[in-house]
Amino acid sequence: MAERRKFKKRFCKYCEQKVDFIDYKDLNSLKFSLSERFKIMPRRLTGNCKRHQELVTVAIKRARQTALIPYIVDRKNVVESPFENLR
């Protein structure tokens, strides 16, 4: 029988800081929930609780609408750190 993998328990960093609202203009806090191709990372990877993951998702979608974060990234022009070009 295969052994079960044991992962460390991930905690919601927003619950620890007691954050009630996640601002879409604060890109430094949003970049931890985005992959290198600007996709929204799931809860199991970020460790966010359900409530804060929904707030992060809404904030990222608002930032995309206001052109603070791109919708897609070109595969041919790969950048090492895409967050350096923002702002």
N, C-alpha and C. Protein backbone atom coordinates (compact mmCIF):
# COMPACT_ATOMS: atom_id res chain seq x y z
N MET A 1 0.82 -1.19 0.00
CA MET A 1 0.00 0.00 0.00
C MET A 1 0.86 1.25 0.00
N ALA A 2 0.44 2.22 -0.73
CA ALA A 2 1.22 3.46 -0.82
C ALA A 2 1.08 4.27 0.47
N GLU A 3 2.17 4.90 0.84
CA GLU A 3 2.13 5.73 2.04
C GLU A 3 1.47 7.06 1.72
N ARG A 4 0.78 7.59 2.70
CA ARG A 4 0.16 8.91 2.53
C ARG A 4 1.22 9.98 2.70
N ARG A 5 1.16 10.96 1.83
CA ARG A 5 2.09 12.07 1.93
C ARG A 5 1.66 12.98 3.07
N LYS A 6 2.60 13.44 3.80
CA LYS A 6 2.28 14.34 4.90
C LYS A 6 2.78 15.73 4.55
N PHE A 7 1.84 16.63 4.43
CA PHE A 7 2.16 18.02 4.15
C PHE A 7 1.95 18.84 5.39
N LYS A 8 2.68 19.93 5.49
CA LYS A 8 2.46 20.82 6.62
C LYS A 8 1.16 21.58 6.41
N LYS A 9 0.51 21.90 7.48
CA LYS A 9 -0.76 22.61 7.43
C LYS A 9 -0.51 24.05 7.01
N ARG A 10 -1.22 24.50 5.98
CA ARG A 10 -1.10 25.87 5.52
C ARG A 10 -2.15 26.71 6.20
N PHE A 11 -1.74 27.90 6.60
CA PHE A 11 -2.65 28.80 7.28
C PHE A 11 -2.94 30.00 6.40
N CYS A 12 -4.11 30.54 6.57
CA CYS A 12 -4.52 31.71 5.81
C CYS A 12 -3.78 32.93 6.37
N LYS A 13 -2.98 33.57 5.54
CA LYS A 13 -2.22 34.72 6.02
C LYS A 13 -3.12 35.92 6.26
N TYR A 14 -4.28 35.96 5.59
CA TYR A 14 -5.21 37.06 5.79
C TYR A 14 -5.96 36.93 7.12
N CYS A 15 -6.23 35.70 7.53
CA CYS A 15 -6.86 35.48 8.83
C CYS A 15 -5.91 35.85 9.97
N GLU A 16 -4.62 35.52 9.80
CA GLU A 16 -3.64 35.85 10.83
C GLU A 16 -3.49 37.36 10.99
N GLN A 17 -3.59 38.11 9.88
CA GLN A 17 -3.47 39.56 9.93
C GLN A 17 -4.81 40.25 10.19
N LYS A 18 -5.88 39.46 10.26
CA LYS A 18 -7.24 39.94 10.49
C LYS A 18 -7.66 40.98 9.45
N VAL A 19 -7.51 40.61 8.18
CA VAL A 19 -7.86 41.47 7.06
C VAL A 19 -9.33 41.28 6.74
N ASP A 20 -10.06 42.39 6.63
CA ASP A 20 -11.48 42.32 6.29
C ASP A 20 -11.73 42.61 4.81
N PHE A 21 -10.86 43.41 4.20
CA PHE A 21 -11.06 43.82 2.81
C PHE A 21 -9.72 43.75 2.08
N ILE A 22 -9.72 43.19 0.88
CA ILE A 22 -8.51 43.10 0.08
C ILE A 22 -8.65 44.08 -1.08
N ASP A 23 -7.75 45.05 -1.13
CA ASP A 23 -7.83 46.12 -2.12
C ASP A 23 -7.24 45.64 -3.44
N TYR A 24 -7.91 45.94 -4.53
CA TYR A 24 -7.45 45.51 -5.84
C TYR A 24 -6.25 46.33 -6.32
N LYS A 25 -6.00 47.48 -5.70
CA LYS A 25 -4.88 48.33 -6.11
C LYS A 25 -3.57 47.95 -5.43
N ASP A 26 -3.63 47.08 -4.43
CA ASP A 26 -2.44 46.64 -3.72
C ASP A 26 -1.88 45.40 -4.41
N LEU A 27 -1.01 45.61 -5.40
CA LEU A 27 -0.49 44.51 -6.20
C LEU A 27 0.52 43.66 -5.43
N ASN A 28 1.16 44.23 -4.42
CA ASN A 28 2.13 43.45 -3.65
C ASN A 28 1.47 42.31 -2.89
N SER A 29 0.25 42.51 -2.41
CA SER A 29 -0.43 41.43 -1.71
C SER A 29 -1.10 40.46 -2.68
N LEU A 30 -1.47 40.94 -3.86
CA LEU A 30 -2.13 40.07 -4.84
C LEU A 30 -1.17 39.16 -5.58
N LYS A 31 0.10 39.54 -5.67
CA LYS A 31 1.02 38.75 -6.48
C LYS A 31 1.32 37.38 -5.88
N PHE A 32 1.06 37.20 -4.58
CA PHE A 32 1.27 35.89 -3.97
C PHE A 32 0.16 34.90 -4.34
N SER A 33 -0.94 35.41 -4.88
CA SER A 33 -2.04 34.54 -5.28
C SER A 33 -2.09 34.35 -6.79
N LEU A 34 -1.08 34.81 -7.50
CA LEU A 34 -1.02 34.66 -8.95
C LEU A 34 0.19 33.81 -9.33
N SER A 35 0.04 33.02 -10.40
CA SER A 35 1.17 32.26 -10.91
C SER A 35 2.02 33.15 -11.80
N GLU A 36 3.09 32.58 -12.35
CA GLU A 36 3.97 33.37 -13.20
C GLU A 36 3.31 33.77 -14.51
N ARG A 37 2.23 33.10 -14.87
CA ARG A 37 1.48 33.47 -16.08
C ARG A 37 0.18 34.19 -15.73
N PHE A 38 0.12 34.74 -14.53
CA PHE A 38 -0.99 35.55 -14.03
C PHE A 38 -2.30 34.79 -13.93
N LYS A 39 -2.22 33.51 -13.63
CA LYS A 39 -3.43 32.74 -13.34
C LYS A 39 -3.66 32.75 -11.84
N ILE A 40 -4.92 32.69 -11.43
CA ILE A 40 -5.25 32.69 -10.01
C ILE A 40 -4.94 31.31 -9.44
N MET A 41 -4.14 31.28 -8.38
CA MET A 41 -3.76 30.01 -7.78
C MET A 41 -4.87 29.50 -6.87
N PRO A 42 -5.08 28.19 -6.80
CA PRO A 42 -6.15 27.64 -5.97
C PRO A 42 -5.85 27.70 -4.48
N ARG A 43 -6.88 27.47 -3.70
CA ARG A 43 -6.78 27.53 -2.23
C ARG A 43 -5.80 26.52 -1.67
N ARG A 44 -5.73 25.35 -2.27
CA ARG A 44 -4.87 24.30 -1.73
C ARG A 44 -3.40 24.65 -1.86
N LEU A 45 -3.06 25.54 -2.80
CA LEU A 45 -1.67 25.96 -2.95
C LEU A 45 -1.34 27.21 -2.14
N THR A 46 -2.29 28.14 -2.05
CA THR A 46 -2.01 29.38 -1.32
C THR A 46 -2.27 29.24 0.17
N GLY A 47 -3.18 28.35 0.56
CA GLY A 47 -3.50 28.18 1.97
C GLY A 47 -4.57 29.13 2.47
N ASN A 48 -5.19 29.88 1.57
CA ASN A 48 -6.23 30.82 1.98
C ASN A 48 -7.49 30.08 2.39
N CYS A 49 -8.25 30.70 3.29
CA CYS A 49 -9.55 30.14 3.64
C CYS A 49 -10.54 30.51 2.53
N LYS A 50 -11.72 29.93 2.59
CA LYS A 50 -12.71 30.13 1.53
C LYS A 50 -13.11 31.59 1.39
N ARG A 51 -13.33 32.24 2.50
CA ARG A 51 -13.77 33.64 2.48
C ARG A 51 -12.72 34.56 1.86
N HIS A 52 -11.48 34.39 2.28
CA HIS A 52 -10.42 35.25 1.76
C HIS A 52 -10.04 34.90 0.33
N GLN A 53 -10.18 33.64 -0.07
CA GLN A 53 -9.91 33.27 -1.46
C GLN A 53 -10.92 33.93 -2.39
N GLU A 54 -12.17 34.01 -1.95
CA GLU A 54 -13.18 34.69 -2.76
C GLU A 54 -12.89 36.19 -2.87
N LEU A 55 -12.42 36.80 -1.76
CA LEU A 55 -12.06 38.22 -1.80
C LEU A 55 -10.85 38.46 -2.71
N VAL A 56 -9.89 37.56 -2.68
CA VAL A 56 -8.71 37.68 -3.54
C VAL A 56 -9.12 37.55 -5.00
N THR A 57 -10.01 36.60 -5.30
CA THR A 57 -10.46 36.39 -6.67
C THR A 57 -11.16 37.63 -7.21
N VAL A 58 -12.03 38.23 -6.41
CA VAL A 58 -12.73 39.44 -6.83
C VAL A 58 -11.74 40.59 -7.03
N ALA A 59 -10.76 40.70 -6.14
CA ALA A 59 -9.77 41.78 -6.26
C ALA A 59 -8.92 41.61 -7.51
N ILE A 60 -8.53 40.37 -7.84
CA ILE A 60 -7.74 40.13 -9.03
C ILE A 60 -8.54 40.43 -10.28
N LYS A 61 -9.81 40.06 -10.30
CA LYS A 61 -10.64 40.34 -11.46
C LYS A 61 -10.86 41.84 -11.64
N ARG A 62 -10.98 42.57 -10.54
CA ARG A 62 -11.10 44.03 -10.64
C ARG A 62 -9.81 44.66 -11.13
N ALA A 63 -8.68 44.14 -10.67
CA ALA A 63 -7.39 44.66 -11.12
C ALA A 63 -7.18 44.38 -12.60
N ARG A 64 -7.69 43.27 -13.09
CA ARG A 64 -7.60 42.98 -14.52
C ARG A 64 -8.46 43.94 -15.33
N GLN A 65 -9.64 44.27 -14.83
CA GLN A 65 -10.52 45.18 -15.56
C GLN A 65 -9.94 46.58 -15.63
N THR A 66 -9.20 46.99 -14.61
CA THR A 66 -8.60 48.32 -14.61
C THR A 66 -7.20 48.32 -15.22
N ALA A 67 -6.79 47.20 -15.81
CA ALA A 67 -5.51 47.04 -16.52
C ALA A 67 -4.30 47.16 -15.60
N LEU A 68 -4.44 46.81 -14.34
CA LEU A 68 -3.29 46.76 -13.45
C LEU A 68 -2.56 45.43 -13.59
N ILE A 69 -3.31 44.37 -13.91
CA ILE A 69 -2.77 43.03 -14.12
C ILE A 69 -3.25 42.57 -15.50
N PRO A 70 -2.37 41.98 -16.31
CA PRO A 70 -2.81 41.52 -17.63
C PRO A 70 -3.68 40.26 -17.52
N TYR A 71 -4.54 40.09 -18.52
CA TYR A 71 -5.36 38.89 -18.58
C TYR A 71 -4.53 37.68 -18.99
N ILE A 72 -3.69 37.84 -20.00
CA ILE A 72 -2.88 36.74 -20.50
C ILE A 72 -1.44 37.21 -20.65
N VAL A 73 -0.53 36.24 -20.72
CA VAL A 73 0.88 36.53 -20.93
C VAL A 73 1.30 35.78 -22.17
N ASP A 74 2.06 36.44 -23.03
CA ASP A 74 2.52 35.83 -24.27
C ASP A 74 3.55 34.75 -23.95
N ARG A 75 3.39 33.59 -24.54
CA ARG A 75 4.31 32.48 -24.29
C ARG A 75 5.67 32.72 -24.92
N LYS A 76 5.70 33.45 -26.04
CA LYS A 76 6.96 33.65 -26.74
C LYS A 76 7.87 34.63 -26.02
N ASN A 77 7.30 35.64 -25.39
CA ASN A 77 8.09 36.63 -24.68
C ASN A 77 8.00 36.37 -23.17
N VAL A 78 8.75 35.38 -22.72
CA VAL A 78 8.71 34.98 -21.32
C VAL A 78 9.61 35.93 -20.52
N VAL A 79 9.07 36.46 -19.43
CA VAL A 79 9.80 37.37 -18.57
C VAL A 79 10.13 36.63 -17.28
N GLU A 80 11.32 36.86 -16.74
CA GLU A 80 11.72 36.16 -15.52
C GLU A 80 10.85 36.54 -14.34
N SER A 81 10.65 37.82 -14.14
CA SER A 81 9.81 38.29 -13.05
C SER A 81 8.77 39.26 -13.61
N PRO A 82 7.56 38.80 -13.86
CA PRO A 82 6.57 39.66 -14.51
C PRO A 82 6.09 40.81 -13.63
N PHE A 83 6.29 40.72 -12.34
CA PHE A 83 5.79 41.77 -11.43
C PHE A 83 6.71 42.99 -11.41
N GLU A 84 7.92 42.86 -11.94
CA GLU A 84 8.80 44.02 -12.01
C GLU A 84 8.33 45.02 -13.05
N ASN A 85 7.65 44.53 -14.10
CA ASN A 85 7.18 45.42 -15.16
C ASN A 85 5.91 46.17 -14.77
N LEU A 86 5.21 45.72 -13.74
CA LEU A 86 3.99 46.38 -13.31
C LEU A 86 4.34 47.67 -12.61
N ARG A 87 3.53 48.66 -12.83
CA ARG A 87 3.68 49.99 -12.23
C ARG A 87 4.78 50.73 -12.83
